[in-house]
N, C-alpha and C. Protein backbone atom coordinates (compact mmCIF):
# COMPACT_ATOMS: atom_id res chain seq x y z
N MET A 1 0.86 -1.18 0.00
CA MET A 1 0.00 0.00 0.00
C MET A 1 0.90 1.23 0.00
N ASN A 2 0.53 2.22 -0.81
CA ASN A 2 1.28 3.47 -0.81
C ASN A 2 0.56 4.51 0.05
N ILE A 3 1.16 5.66 0.23
CA ILE A 3 0.60 6.68 1.12
C ILE A 3 -0.77 7.17 0.64
N GLY A 4 -0.93 7.33 -0.68
CA GLY A 4 -2.22 7.78 -1.20
C GLY A 4 -3.34 6.81 -0.90
N GLU A 5 -3.05 5.52 -1.05
CA GLU A 5 -4.06 4.49 -0.74
C GLU A 5 -4.37 4.47 0.75
N ALA A 6 -3.34 4.65 1.58
CA ALA A 6 -3.55 4.65 3.03
C ALA A 6 -4.40 5.84 3.46
N VAL A 7 -4.14 7.02 2.89
CA VAL A 7 -4.94 8.21 3.22
C VAL A 7 -6.39 7.97 2.81
N LYS A 8 -6.59 7.45 1.62
CA LYS A 8 -7.94 7.14 1.14
C LYS A 8 -8.66 6.19 2.10
N GLU A 9 -8.00 5.10 2.45
CA GLU A 9 -8.62 4.12 3.35
C GLU A 9 -8.90 4.71 4.72
N ARG A 10 -8.01 5.57 5.21
CA ARG A 10 -8.20 6.17 6.53
C ARG A 10 -9.41 7.11 6.53
N ILE A 11 -9.58 7.89 5.48
CA ILE A 11 -10.73 8.78 5.38
C ILE A 11 -12.03 7.96 5.39
N ILE A 12 -12.06 6.92 4.59
CA ILE A 12 -13.24 6.06 4.53
C ILE A 12 -13.50 5.42 5.90
N GLU A 13 -12.45 4.94 6.55
CA GLU A 13 -12.56 4.32 7.86
C GLU A 13 -13.13 5.30 8.89
N LEU A 14 -12.61 6.51 8.91
CA LEU A 14 -13.08 7.51 9.87
C LEU A 14 -14.55 7.89 9.63
N CYS A 15 -14.94 7.98 8.37
CA CYS A 15 -16.34 8.28 8.06
C CYS A 15 -17.25 7.14 8.52
N ARG A 16 -16.83 5.92 8.30
CA ARG A 16 -17.63 4.77 8.74
C ARG A 16 -17.76 4.74 10.26
N GLU A 17 -16.64 4.98 10.96
CA GLU A 17 -16.67 4.98 12.43
C GLU A 17 -17.65 6.01 12.97
N ARG A 18 -17.75 7.13 12.29
CA ARG A 18 -18.62 8.23 12.75
C ARG A 18 -19.99 8.20 12.09
N ASP A 19 -20.19 7.23 11.20
CA ASP A 19 -21.45 7.09 10.47
C ASP A 19 -21.82 8.38 9.75
N ILE A 20 -20.83 8.93 9.01
CA ILE A 20 -21.09 10.13 8.21
C ILE A 20 -20.70 9.85 6.76
N SER A 21 -21.32 10.56 5.87
CA SER A 21 -21.02 10.40 4.45
C SER A 21 -19.82 11.28 4.08
N ILE A 22 -19.27 11.01 2.91
CA ILE A 22 -18.20 11.84 2.38
C ILE A 22 -18.72 13.28 2.21
N ASN A 23 -19.95 13.41 1.74
CA ASN A 23 -20.55 14.73 1.58
C ASN A 23 -20.60 15.48 2.90
N LYS A 24 -21.01 14.80 3.95
CA LYS A 24 -21.08 15.44 5.27
C LYS A 24 -19.69 15.85 5.73
N LEU A 25 -18.69 14.99 5.49
CA LEU A 25 -17.31 15.33 5.84
C LEU A 25 -16.87 16.60 5.12
N CYS A 26 -17.22 16.72 3.86
CA CYS A 26 -16.89 17.93 3.10
C CYS A 26 -17.50 19.16 3.74
N ASN A 27 -18.76 19.07 4.11
CA ASN A 27 -19.44 20.19 4.76
C ASN A 27 -18.83 20.54 6.11
N MET A 28 -18.42 19.51 6.86
CA MET A 28 -17.84 19.71 8.18
C MET A 28 -16.43 20.31 8.10
N SER A 29 -15.72 20.00 7.03
CA SER A 29 -14.31 20.39 6.95
C SER A 29 -14.03 21.58 6.05
N GLY A 30 -14.97 21.89 5.16
CA GLY A 30 -14.74 22.97 4.22
C GLY A 30 -13.89 22.58 3.02
N VAL A 31 -13.64 21.29 2.88
CA VAL A 31 -12.90 20.78 1.71
C VAL A 31 -13.92 20.50 0.62
N THR A 32 -13.60 20.87 -0.60
CA THR A 32 -14.57 20.69 -1.67
C THR A 32 -14.89 19.22 -1.91
N GLN A 33 -16.11 18.99 -2.34
CA GLN A 33 -16.57 17.63 -2.65
C GLN A 33 -15.68 16.99 -3.71
N SER A 34 -15.29 17.74 -4.72
CA SER A 34 -14.47 17.17 -5.80
C SER A 34 -13.11 16.74 -5.28
N THR A 35 -12.53 17.50 -4.37
CA THR A 35 -11.23 17.13 -3.80
C THR A 35 -11.32 15.82 -3.03
N VAL A 36 -12.30 15.73 -2.14
CA VAL A 36 -12.44 14.51 -1.34
C VAL A 36 -12.82 13.32 -2.22
N ASN A 37 -13.72 13.54 -3.19
CA ASN A 37 -14.07 12.45 -4.10
C ASN A 37 -12.85 11.95 -4.86
N ASN A 38 -12.00 12.85 -5.31
CA ASN A 38 -10.79 12.44 -6.02
C ASN A 38 -9.86 11.62 -5.13
N ILE A 39 -9.80 11.96 -3.85
CA ILE A 39 -8.97 11.20 -2.92
C ILE A 39 -9.55 9.81 -2.70
N VAL A 40 -10.83 9.73 -2.37
CA VAL A 40 -11.42 8.43 -2.02
C VAL A 40 -11.67 7.54 -3.23
N ARG A 41 -11.65 8.10 -4.42
CA ARG A 41 -11.78 7.28 -5.63
C ARG A 41 -10.42 6.92 -6.21
N GLY A 42 -9.36 7.37 -5.56
CA GLY A 42 -8.01 7.01 -6.00
C GLY A 42 -7.49 7.84 -7.15
N ARG A 43 -8.17 8.91 -7.51
CA ARG A 43 -7.72 9.77 -8.60
C ARG A 43 -6.63 10.74 -8.16
N ASN A 44 -6.60 11.01 -6.86
CA ASN A 44 -5.60 11.91 -6.29
C ASN A 44 -4.85 11.14 -5.22
N ASN A 45 -3.62 10.72 -5.54
CA ASN A 45 -2.83 9.96 -4.59
C ASN A 45 -1.83 10.83 -3.84
N SER A 46 -2.00 12.13 -3.90
CA SER A 46 -1.07 13.01 -3.21
C SER A 46 -1.81 14.17 -2.54
N ALA A 47 -2.71 13.84 -1.65
CA ALA A 47 -3.45 14.86 -0.90
C ALA A 47 -2.45 15.68 -0.08
N THR A 48 -2.66 16.97 -0.05
CA THR A 48 -1.74 17.83 0.70
C THR A 48 -2.00 17.69 2.20
N ILE A 49 -0.98 18.01 2.96
CA ILE A 49 -1.14 17.97 4.41
C ILE A 49 -2.15 19.01 4.86
N SER A 50 -2.26 20.10 4.11
CA SER A 50 -3.26 21.13 4.41
C SER A 50 -4.67 20.57 4.27
N THR A 51 -4.91 19.80 3.21
CA THR A 51 -6.22 19.16 3.02
C THR A 51 -6.50 18.17 4.13
N ILE A 52 -5.51 17.36 4.46
CA ILE A 52 -5.68 16.37 5.53
C ILE A 52 -5.97 17.08 6.86
N LYS A 53 -5.29 18.19 7.12
CA LYS A 53 -5.52 18.96 8.35
C LYS A 53 -6.95 19.48 8.40
N LYS A 54 -7.46 19.99 7.29
CA LYS A 54 -8.85 20.47 7.25
C LYS A 54 -9.82 19.33 7.51
N LEU A 55 -9.57 18.17 6.93
CA LEU A 55 -10.43 17.01 7.17
C LEU A 55 -10.39 16.63 8.65
N CYS A 56 -9.19 16.65 9.22
CA CYS A 56 -9.06 16.34 10.65
C CYS A 56 -9.83 17.33 11.50
N ASP A 57 -9.71 18.62 11.17
CA ASP A 57 -10.45 19.64 11.91
C ASP A 57 -11.95 19.38 11.84
N GLY A 58 -12.44 19.02 10.66
CA GLY A 58 -13.86 18.71 10.50
C GLY A 58 -14.28 17.50 11.31
N LEU A 59 -13.39 16.54 11.43
CA LEU A 59 -13.68 15.32 12.20
C LEU A 59 -13.43 15.50 13.69
N GLY A 60 -12.80 16.60 14.06
CA GLY A 60 -12.50 16.84 15.47
C GLY A 60 -11.36 15.99 15.99
N ILE A 61 -10.40 15.68 15.12
CA ILE A 61 -9.24 14.89 15.52
C ILE A 61 -7.96 15.64 15.14
N THR A 62 -6.85 15.21 15.70
CA THR A 62 -5.57 15.80 15.36
C THR A 62 -4.95 15.05 14.18
N ILE A 63 -3.97 15.68 13.59
CA ILE A 63 -3.23 14.99 12.52
C ILE A 63 -2.57 13.73 13.07
N GLN A 64 -2.08 13.81 14.30
CA GLN A 64 -1.46 12.63 14.93
C GLN A 64 -2.47 11.48 15.01
N GLU A 65 -3.71 11.80 15.37
CA GLU A 65 -4.74 10.76 15.43
C GLU A 65 -5.04 10.20 14.05
N PHE A 66 -5.02 11.06 13.04
CA PHE A 66 -5.27 10.60 11.68
C PHE A 66 -4.24 9.55 11.28
N PHE A 67 -2.97 9.85 11.54
CA PHE A 67 -1.90 8.96 11.12
C PHE A 67 -1.62 7.83 12.11
N ALA A 68 -2.29 7.82 13.27
CA ALA A 68 -2.11 6.76 14.26
C ALA A 68 -2.99 5.57 13.88
N SER A 69 -2.68 4.98 12.75
CA SER A 69 -3.45 3.84 12.24
C SER A 69 -2.48 2.83 11.66
N ASN A 70 -2.83 1.59 11.76
CA ASN A 70 -1.99 0.54 11.19
C ASN A 70 -1.82 0.68 9.68
N LEU A 71 -2.71 1.42 9.04
CA LEU A 71 -2.60 1.64 7.60
C LEU A 71 -1.27 2.30 7.23
N PHE A 72 -0.70 3.05 8.17
CA PHE A 72 0.51 3.82 7.87
C PHE A 72 1.79 3.15 8.38
N THR A 73 1.66 1.99 9.03
CA THR A 73 2.85 1.38 9.62
C THR A 73 3.71 0.61 8.63
N GLU A 74 3.13 0.09 7.59
CA GLU A 74 3.90 -0.71 6.65
C GLU A 74 3.71 -0.23 5.22
N LEU A 75 3.95 1.05 5.01
CA LEU A 75 3.81 1.61 3.67
C LEU A 75 4.96 1.16 2.77
N GLU A 76 4.66 1.09 1.49
CA GLU A 76 5.69 0.78 0.51
C GLU A 76 6.68 1.93 0.45
N GLN A 77 7.91 1.62 0.10
CA GLN A 77 8.90 2.65 -0.13
C GLN A 77 8.49 3.47 -1.34
N GLU A 78 8.49 4.78 -1.21
CA GLU A 78 8.07 5.65 -2.30
C GLU A 78 9.21 5.93 -3.28
N ILE A 79 10.43 5.88 -2.81
CA ILE A 79 11.59 6.14 -3.67
C ILE A 79 12.19 4.81 -4.07
N GLU A 80 12.35 4.64 -5.36
CA GLU A 80 12.91 3.37 -5.84
C GLU A 80 14.24 3.59 -6.49
């Protein structure tokens, strides 16, 4: 799994845990629907830390909490 896939999976996981839709997350965070859709559909594999921070703010969590997931512990090496 690469970082883009892990971010995508984490967003989906957090929405499921809170029983909210992607649309609701967009409204809560102020991130555009198209941006979040591109992330969760795998079209954008390089979400900015600024976008992730806004999503975290909308979810009421810290960036540390976002990345405190097993999804990020065994990422593939990005540089080959």
